[in-house]
Amino acid sequence: MHKDVAAKLISILKEQFDVDLNSSIKLEDTLSSLNINSISFIRLVVELEKEFNIEFQDEIMDVSNFKTIKSLVEYIEEKGG
């Protein structure tokens, strides 16, 4: 399951967030290294909620709560995505 969630997340990042399509995104990569700021993070959350049919809690919807791609994957899995 972990790989499926990670693959979908990486696909969303590459398709919708100006992340270089040829770059290799790793779970250890930080969101800031992918140029995800607080505004683009909200857009990402909306996409993730639709893709995985989950809801991010308001109090956690801050890019600083998710340092890496892996932390996002773990949160999605925890929510049942």
PDB file of N, CA and C in Angstrom:
ATOM      1  N   MET A   1       0.830  -1.201   0.000  1.00  0.00           N
ATOM      2  CA  MET A   1       0.000   0.000   0.000  1.00  0.00           C
ATOM      3  C   MET A   1       0.869   1.258   0.000  1.00  0.00           C
ATOM      4  N   HIS A   2       1.940   1.238   0.785  1.00  0.00           N
ATOM      5  CA  HIS A   2       2.835   2.382   0.925  1.00  0.00           C
ATOM      6  C   HIS A   2       3.318   2.880  -0.434  1.00  0.00           C
ATOM      7  N   LYS A   3       3.701   1.964  -1.300  1.00  0.00           N
ATOM      8  CA  LYS A   3       4.211   2.348  -2.619  1.00  0.00           C
ATOM      9  C   LYS A   3       3.115   2.948  -3.488  1.00  0.00           C
ATOM     10  N   ASP A   4       1.898   2.433  -3.383  1.00  0.00           N
ATOM     11  CA  ASP A   4       0.789   2.971  -4.173  1.00  0.00           C
ATOM     12  C   ASP A   4       0.487   4.414  -3.788  1.00  0.00           C
ATOM     13  N   VAL A   5       0.427   4.682  -2.503  1.00  0.00           N
ATOM     14  CA  VAL A   5       0.151   6.035  -2.025  1.00  0.00           C
ATOM     15  C   VAL A   5       1.280   6.966  -2.457  1.00  0.00           C
ATOM     16  N   ALA A   6       2.513   6.531  -2.273  1.00  0.00           N
ATOM     17  CA  ALA A   6       3.660   7.353  -2.658  1.00  0.00           C
ATOM     18  C   ALA A   6       3.653   7.630  -4.156  1.00  0.00           C
ATOM     19  N   ALA A   7       3.371   6.625  -4.953  1.00  0.00           N
ATOM     20  CA  ALA A   7       3.358   6.793  -6.415  1.00  0.00           C
ATOM     21  C   ALA A   7       2.276   7.784  -6.844  1.00  0.00           C
ATOM     22  N   LYS A   8       1.104   7.696  -6.236  1.00  0.00           N
ATOM     23  CA  LYS A   8       0.019   8.630  -6.577  1.00  0.00           C
ATOM     24  C   LYS A   8       0.376  10.056  -6.161  1.00  0.00           C
ATOM     25  N   LEU A   9       0.951  10.196  -4.982  1.00  0.00           N
ATOM     26  CA  LEU A   9       1.351  11.511  -4.491  1.00  0.00           C
ATOM     27  C   LEU A   9       2.397  12.131  -5.417  1.00  0.00           C
ATOM     28  N   ILE A  10       3.394  11.361  -5.785  1.00  0.00           N
ATOM     29  CA  ILE A  10       4.444  11.853  -6.681  1.00  0.00           C
ATOM     30  C   ILE A  10       3.858  12.218  -8.038  1.00  0.00           C
ATOM     31  N   SER A  11       2.927  11.430  -8.510  1.00  0.00           N
ATOM     32  CA  SER A  11       2.268  11.723  -9.783  1.00  0.00           C
ATOM     33  C   SER A  11       1.529  13.061  -9.720  1.00  0.00           C
ATOM     34  N   ILE A  12       0.820  13.304  -8.636  1.00  0.00           N
ATOM     35  CA  ILE A  12       0.108  14.576  -8.460  1.00  0.00           C
ATOM     36  C   ILE A  12       1.102  15.737  -8.433  1.00  0.00           C
ATOM     37  N   LEU A  13       2.197  15.567  -7.717  1.00  0.00           N
ATOM     38  CA  LEU A  13       3.204  16.627  -7.647  1.00  0.00           C
ATOM     39  C   LEU A  13       3.762  16.953  -9.029  1.00  0.00           C
ATOM     40  N   LYS A  14       4.045  15.928  -9.800  1.00  0.00           N
ATOM     41  CA  LYS A  14       4.623  16.143 -11.128  1.00  0.00           C
ATOM     42  C   LYS A  14       3.614  16.733 -12.106  1.00  0.00           C
ATOM     43  N   GLU A  15       2.371  16.310 -12.014  1.00  0.00           N
ATOM     44  CA  GLU A  15       1.358  16.764 -12.963  1.00  0.00           C
ATOM     45  C   GLU A  15       0.842  18.166 -12.675  1.00  0.00           C
ATOM     46  N   GLN A  16       0.787  18.555 -11.415  1.00  0.00           N
ATOM     47  CA  GLN A  16       0.067  19.784 -11.085  1.00  0.00           C
ATOM     48  C   GLN A  16       0.876  20.852 -10.370  1.00  0.00           C
ATOM     49  N   PHE A  17       2.123  20.577 -10.051  1.00  0.00           N
ATOM     50  CA  PHE A  17       2.856  21.525  -9.209  1.00  0.00           C
ATOM     51  C   PHE A  17       4.233  21.900  -9.726  1.00  0.00           C
ATOM     52  N   ASP A  18       4.386  22.008 -11.021  1.00  0.00           N
ATOM     53  CA  ASP A  18       5.640  22.480 -11.611  1.00  0.00           C
ATOM     54  C   ASP A  18       6.876  21.740 -11.110  1.00  0.00           C
ATOM     55  N   VAL A  19       6.694  20.505 -10.695  1.00  0.00           N
ATOM     56  CA  VAL A  19       7.839  19.686 -10.319  1.00  0.00           C
ATOM     57  C   VAL A  19       8.361  19.062 -11.605  1.00  0.00           C
ATOM     58  N   ASP A  20       9.661  19.122 -11.799  1.00  0.00           N
ATOM     59  CA  ASP A  20      10.283  18.616 -13.020  1.00  0.00           C
ATOM     60  C   ASP A  20       9.870  17.168 -13.273  1.00  0.00           C
ATOM     61  N   LEU A  21       9.254  16.945 -14.428  1.00  0.00           N
ATOM     62  CA  LEU A  21       8.775  15.603 -14.770  1.00  0.00           C
ATOM     63  C   LEU A  21       9.902  14.590 -14.874  1.00  0.00           C
ATOM     64  N   ASN A  22      11.099  15.055 -15.167  1.00  0.00           N
ATOM     65  CA  ASN A  22      12.235  14.142 -15.305  1.00  0.00           C
ATOM     66  C   ASN A  22      12.987  13.926 -14.000  1.00  0.00           C
ATOM     67  N   SER A  23      12.635  14.690 -12.992  1.00  0.00           N
ATOM     68  CA  SER A  23      13.341  14.546 -11.722  1.00  0.00           C
ATOM     69  C   SER A  23      12.854  13.311 -10.974  1.00  0.00           C
ATOM     70  N   SER A  24      13.740  12.797 -10.186  1.00  0.00           N
ATOM     71  CA  SER A  24      13.411  11.640  -9.360  1.00  0.00           C
ATOM     72  C   SER A  24      13.024  12.154  -7.972  1.00  0.00           C
ATOM     73  N   ILE A  25      11.785  11.935  -7.595  1.00  0.00           N
ATOM     74  CA  ILE A  25      11.314  12.375  -6.283  1.00  0.00           C
ATOM     75  C   ILE A  25      11.400  11.186  -5.331  1.00  0.00           C
ATOM     76  N   LYS A  26      12.048  11.435  -4.187  1.00  0.00           N
ATOM     77  CA  LYS A  26      12.217  10.387  -3.185  1.00  0.00           C
ATOM     78  C   LYS A  26      11.383  10.715  -1.947  1.00  0.00           C
ATOM     79  N   LEU A  27      11.068   9.704  -1.181  1.00  0.00           N
ATOM     80  CA  LEU A  27      10.266   9.904   0.030  1.00  0.00           C
ATOM     81  C   LEU A  27      10.941  10.844   1.020  1.00  0.00           C
ATOM     82  N   GLU A  28      12.264  10.908   0.981  1.00  0.00           N
ATOM     83  CA  GLU A  28      13.009  11.749   1.912  1.00  0.00           C
ATOM     84  C   GLU A  28      13.052  13.209   1.472  1.00  0.00           C
ATOM     85  N   ASP A  29      12.622  13.502   0.253  1.00  0.00           N
ATOM     86  CA  ASP A  29      12.636  14.880  -0.238  1.00  0.00           C
ATOM     87  C   ASP A  29      11.704  15.748   0.605  1.00  0.00           C
ATOM     88  N   THR A  30      12.136  16.971   0.836  1.00  0.00           N
ATOM     89  CA  THR A  30      11.288  17.901   1.578  1.00  0.00           C
ATOM     90  C   THR A  30      10.322  18.590   0.623  1.00  0.00           C
ATOM     91  N   LEU A  31       9.213  19.015   1.165  1.00  0.00           N
ATOM     92  CA  LEU A  31       8.246  19.748   0.344  1.00  0.00           C
ATOM     93  C   LEU A  31       8.846  21.072  -0.124  1.00  0.00           C
ATOM     94  N   SER A  32       9.637  21.697   0.727  1.00  0.00           N
ATOM     95  CA  SER A  32      10.249  22.967   0.323  1.00  0.00           C
ATOM     96  C   SER A  32      11.234  22.776  -0.826  1.00  0.00           C
ATOM     97  N   SER A  33      11.915  21.646  -0.878  1.00  0.00           N
ATOM     98  CA  SER A  33      12.840  21.396  -1.994  1.00  0.00           C
ATOM     99  C   SER A  33      12.086  21.229  -3.311  1.00  0.00           C
ATOM    100  N   LEU A  34      10.789  20.939  -3.222  1.00  0.00           N
ATOM    101  CA  LEU A  34       9.945  20.809  -4.413  1.00  0.00           C
ATOM    102  C   LEU A  34       9.154  22.094  -4.671  1.00  0.00           C
ATOM    103  N   ASN A  35       9.553  23.154  -3.967  1.00  0.00           N
ATOM    104  CA  ASN A  35       8.916  24.470  -4.099  1.00  0.00           C
ATOM    105  C   ASN A  35       7.437  24.466  -3.709  1.00  0.00           C
ATOM    106  N   ILE A  36       7.092  23.633  -2.733  1.00  0.00           N
ATOM    107  CA  ILE A  36       5.733  23.638  -2.190  1.00  0.00           C
ATOM    108  C   ILE A  36       5.726  24.607  -1.004  1.00  0.00           C
ATOM    109  N   ASN A  37       5.020  25.715  -1.166  1.00  0.00           N
ATOM    110  CA  ASN A  37       4.908  26.695  -0.089  1.00  0.00           C
ATOM    111  C   ASN A  37       3.524  26.576   0.551  1.00  0.00           C
ATOM    112  N   SER A  38       3.185  27.495   1.423  1.00  0.00           N
ATOM    113  CA  SER A  38       1.910  27.374   2.143  1.00  0.00           C
ATOM    114  C   SER A  38       0.705  27.445   1.209  1.00  0.00           C
ATOM    115  N   ILE A  39       0.788  28.244   0.162  1.00  0.00           N
ATOM    116  CA  ILE A  39      -0.342  28.354  -0.768  1.00  0.00           C
ATOM    117  C   ILE A  39      -0.456  27.109  -1.639  1.00  0.00           C
ATOM    118  N   SER A  40       0.655  26.668  -2.189  1.00  0.00           N
ATOM    119  CA  SER A  40       0.590  25.462  -3.024  1.00  0.00           C
ATOM    120  C   SER A  40       0.282  24.228  -2.183  1.00  0.00           C
ATOM    121  N   PHE A  41       0.631  24.269  -0.894  1.00  0.00           N
ATOM    122  CA  PHE A  41       0.305  23.146  -0.018  1.00  0.00           C
ATOM    123  C   PHE A  41      -1.212  22.984   0.111  1.00  0.00           C
ATOM    124  N   ILE A  42      -1.932  24.086   0.214  1.00  0.00           N
ATOM    125  CA  ILE A  42      -3.400  24.016   0.294  1.00  0.00           C
ATOM    126  C   ILE A  42      -3.956  23.381  -0.975  1.00  0.00           C
ATOM    127  N   ARG A  43      -3.430  23.780  -2.116  1.00  0.00           N
ATOM    128  CA  ARG A  43      -3.854  23.168  -3.385  1.00  0.00           C
ATOM    129  C   ARG A  43      -3.557  21.669  -3.383  1.00  0.00           C
ATOM    130  N   LEU A  44      -2.382  21.308  -2.873  1.00  0.00           N
ATOM    131  CA  LEU A  44      -2.002  19.897  -2.809  1.00  0.00           C
ATOM    132  C   LEU A  44      -2.957  19.126  -1.905  1.00  0.00           C
ATOM    133  N   VAL A  45      -3.285  19.692  -0.760  1.00  0.00           N
ATOM    134  CA  VAL A  45      -4.210  19.037   0.173  1.00  0.00           C
ATOM    135  C   VAL A  45      -5.556  18.776  -0.495  1.00  0.00           C
ATOM    136  N   VAL A  46      -6.067  19.755  -1.226  1.00  0.00           N
ATOM    137  CA  VAL A  46      -7.349  19.583  -1.926  1.00  0.00           C
ATOM    138  C   VAL A  46      -7.256  18.408  -2.899  1.00  0.00           C
ATOM    139  N   GLU A  47      -6.171  18.332  -3.647  1.00  0.00           N
ATOM    140  CA  GLU A  47      -5.982  17.228  -4.593  1.00  0.00           C
ATOM    141  C   GLU A  47      -5.879  15.887  -3.869  1.00  0.00           C
ATOM    142  N   LEU A  48      -5.159  15.861  -2.766  1.00  0.00           N
ATOM    143  CA  LEU A  48      -4.991  14.616  -2.013  1.00  0.00           C
ATOM    144  C   LEU A  48      -6.309  14.164  -1.391  1.00  0.00           C
ATOM    145  N   GLU A  49      -7.088  15.107  -0.895  1.00  0.00           N
ATOM    146  CA  GLU A  49      -8.390  14.752  -0.326  1.00  0.00           C
ATOM    147  C   GLU A  49      -9.289  14.125  -1.388  1.00  0.00           C
ATOM    148  N   LYS A  50      -9.258  14.677  -2.590  1.00  0.00           N
ATOM    149  CA  LYS A  50     -10.068  14.103  -3.679  1.00  0.00           C
ATOM    150  C   LYS A  50      -9.535  12.734  -4.096  1.00  0.00           C
ATOM    151  N   GLU A  51      -8.238  12.640  -4.286  1.00  0.00           N
ATOM    152  CA  GLU A  51      -7.625  11.403  -4.787  1.00  0.00           C
ATOM    153  C   GLU A  51      -7.798  10.238  -3.819  1.00  0.00           C
ATOM    154  N   PHE A  52      -7.621  10.507  -2.523  1.00  0.00           N
ATOM    155  CA  PHE A  52      -7.623   9.430  -1.533  1.00  0.00           C
ATOM    156  C   PHE A  52      -8.899   9.369  -0.699  1.00  0.00           C
ATOM    157  N   ASN A  53      -9.839  10.260  -0.973  1.00  0.00           N
ATOM    158  CA  ASN A  53     -11.103  10.286  -0.249  1.00  0.00           C
ATOM    159  C   ASN A  53     -10.878  10.378   1.266  1.00  0.00           C
ATOM    160  N   ILE A  54     -10.044  11.332   1.635  1.00  0.00           N
ATOM    161  CA  ILE A  54      -9.744  11.576   3.048  1.00  0.00           C
ATOM    162  C   ILE A  54      -9.973  13.056   3.331  1.00  0.00           C
ATOM    163  N   GLU A  55      -9.901  13.411   4.609  1.00  0.00           N
ATOM    164  CA  GLU A  55     -10.017  14.814   4.987  1.00  0.00           C
ATOM    165  C   GLU A  55      -8.894  15.170   5.949  1.00  0.00           C
ATOM    166  N   PHE A  56      -8.136  16.189   5.589  1.00  0.00           N
ATOM    167  CA  PHE A  56      -7.088  16.678   6.477  1.00  0.00           C
ATOM    168  C   PHE A  56      -7.747  17.470   7.595  1.00  0.00           C
ATOM    169  N   GLN A  57      -7.296  17.261   8.824  1.00  0.00           N
ATOM    170  CA  GLN A  57      -7.814  18.022   9.952  1.00  0.00           C
ATOM    171  C   GLN A  57      -7.321  19.460   9.839  1.00  0.00           C
ATOM    172  N   ASP A  58      -8.191  20.413  10.152  1.00  0.00           N
ATOM    173  CA  ASP A  58      -7.840  21.830  10.030  1.00  0.00           C
ATOM    174  C   ASP A  58      -6.567  22.181  10.795  1.00  0.00           C
ATOM    175  N   GLU A  59      -6.432  21.643  11.998  1.00  0.00           N
ATOM    176  CA  GLU A  59      -5.288  22.011  12.832  1.00  0.00           C
ATOM    177  C   GLU A  59      -3.958  21.472  12.301  1.00  0.00           C
ATOM    178  N   ILE A  60      -4.007  20.545  11.370  1.00  0.00           N
ATOM    179  CA  ILE A  60      -2.774  19.977  10.818  1.00  0.00           C
ATOM    180  C   ILE A  60      -2.474  20.508   9.416  1.00  0.00           C
ATOM    181  N   MET A  61      -3.372  21.313   8.871  1.00  0.00           N
ATOM    182  CA  MET A  61      -3.206  21.793   7.492  1.00  0.00           C
ATOM    183  C   MET A  61      -2.217  22.946   7.415  1.00  0.00           C
ATOM    184  N   ASP A  62      -0.978  22.630   7.691  1.00  0.00           N
ATOM    185  CA  ASP A  62       0.107  23.596   7.609  1.00  0.00           C
ATOM    186  C   ASP A  62       1.310  22.861   7.038  1.00  0.00           C
ATOM    187  N   VAL A  63       1.928  23.455   6.050  1.00  0.00           N
ATOM    188  CA  VAL A  63       3.050  22.797   5.383  1.00  0.00           C
ATOM    189  C   VAL A  63       4.161  22.447   6.375  1.00  0.00           C
ATOM    190  N   SER A  64       4.291  23.198   7.452  1.00  0.00           N
ATOM    191  CA  SER A  64       5.345  22.915   8.431  1.00  0.00           C
ATOM    192  C   SER A  64       5.110  21.609   9.188  1.00  0.00           C
ATOM    193  N   ASN A  65       3.897  21.079   9.145  1.00  0.00           N
ATOM    194  CA  ASN A  65       3.604  19.794   9.786  1.00  0.00           C
ATOM    195  C   ASN A  65       4.066  18.606   8.946  1.00  0.00           C
ATOM    196  N   PHE A  66       4.418  18.864   7.708  1.00  0.00           N
ATOM    197  CA  PHE A  66       4.826  17.796   6.796  1.00  0.00           C
ATOM    198  C   PHE A  66       6.155  18.177   6.162  1.00  0.00           C
ATOM    199  N   LYS A  67       7.223  17.728   6.767  1.00  0.00           N
ATOM    200  CA  LYS A  67       8.551  18.105   6.285  1.00  0.00           C
ATOM    201  C   LYS A  67       8.931  17.374   5.003  1.00  0.00           C
ATOM    202  N   THR A  68       8.517  16.119   4.890  1.00  0.00           N
ATOM    203  CA  THR A  68       8.955  15.295   3.758  1.00  0.00           C
ATOM    204  C   THR A  68       7.760  14.665   3.043  1.00  0.00           C
ATOM    205  N   ILE A  69       8.045  14.141   1.871  1.00  0.00           N
ATOM    206  CA  ILE A  69       7.037  13.384   1.130  1.00  0.00           C
ATOM    207  C   ILE A  69       6.579  12.204   1.989  1.00  0.00           C
ATOM    208  N   LYS A  70       7.520  11.567   2.654  1.00  0.00           N
ATOM    209  CA  LYS A  70       7.198  10.403   3.491  1.00  0.00           C
ATOM    210  C   LYS A  70       6.190  10.763   4.586  1.00  0.00           C
ATOM    211  N   SER A  71       6.333  11.924   5.192  1.00  0.00           N
ATOM    212  CA  SER A  71       5.394  12.307   6.256  1.00  0.00           C
ATOM    213  C   SER A  71       3.983  12.482   5.704  1.00  0.00           C
ATOM    214  N   LEU A  72       3.871  12.968   4.485  1.00  0.00           N
ATOM    215  CA  LEU A  72       2.555  13.078   3.846  1.00  0.00           C
ATOM    216  C   LEU A  72       1.984  11.701   3.544  1.00  0.00           C
ATOM    217  N   VAL A  73       2.813  10.814   3.024  1.00  0.00           N
ATOM    218  CA  VAL A  73       2.376   9.444   2.718  1.00  0.00           C
ATOM    219  C   VAL A  73       1.868   8.770   3.988  1.00  0.00           C
ATOM    220  N   GLU A  74       2.603   8.911   5.077  1.00  0.00           N
ATOM    221  CA  GLU A  74       2.204   8.287   6.342  1.00  0.00           C
ATOM    222  C   GLU A  74       0.874   8.847   6.840  1.00  0.00           C
ATOM    223  N   TYR A  75       0.673  10.147   6.698  1.00  0.00           N
ATOM    224  CA  TYR A  75      -0.588  10.754   7.126  1.00  0.00           C
ATOM    225  C   TYR A  75      -1.750  10.223   6.288  1.00  0.00           C
ATOM    226  N   ILE A  76      -1.555  10.152   4.984  1.00  0.00           N
ATOM    227  CA  ILE A  76      -2.602   9.638   4.088  1.00  0.00           C
ATOM    228  C   ILE A  76      -2.950   8.202   4.456  1.00  0.00           C
ATOM    229  N   GLU A  77      -1.941   7.388   4.704  1.00  0.00           N
ATOM    230  CA  GLU A  77      -2.190   5.989   5.080  1.00  0.00           C
ATOM    231  C   GLU A  77      -2.906   5.897   6.420  1.00  0.00           C
ATOM    232  N   GLU A  78      -2.525   6.752   7.357  1.00  0.00           N
ATOM    233  CA  GLU A  78      -3.169   6.777   8.674  1.00  0.00           C
ATOM    234  C   GLU A  78      -4.655   7.117   8.552  1.00  0.00           C
ATOM    235  N   LYS A  79      -4.978   7.981   7.594  1.00  0.00           N
ATOM    236  CA  LYS A  79      -6.361   8.389   7.369  1.00  0.00           C
ATOM    237  C   LYS A  79      -7.138   7.383   6.522  1.00  0.00           C
ATOM    238  N   GLY A  80      -6.468   6.343   6.089  1.00  0.00           N
ATOM    239  CA  GLY A  80      -7.159   5.297   5.337  1.00  0.00           C
ATOM    240  C   GLY A  80      -7.114   5.458   3.837  1.00  0.00           C
ATOM    241  N   GLY A  81      -6.229   6.322   3.356  1.00  0.00           N
ATOM    242  CA  GLY A  81      -6.110   6.560   1.916  1.00  0.00           C
ATOM    243  C   GLY A  81      -5.351   5.501   1.183  1.00  0.00           C
TER     244      GLY A  81
END
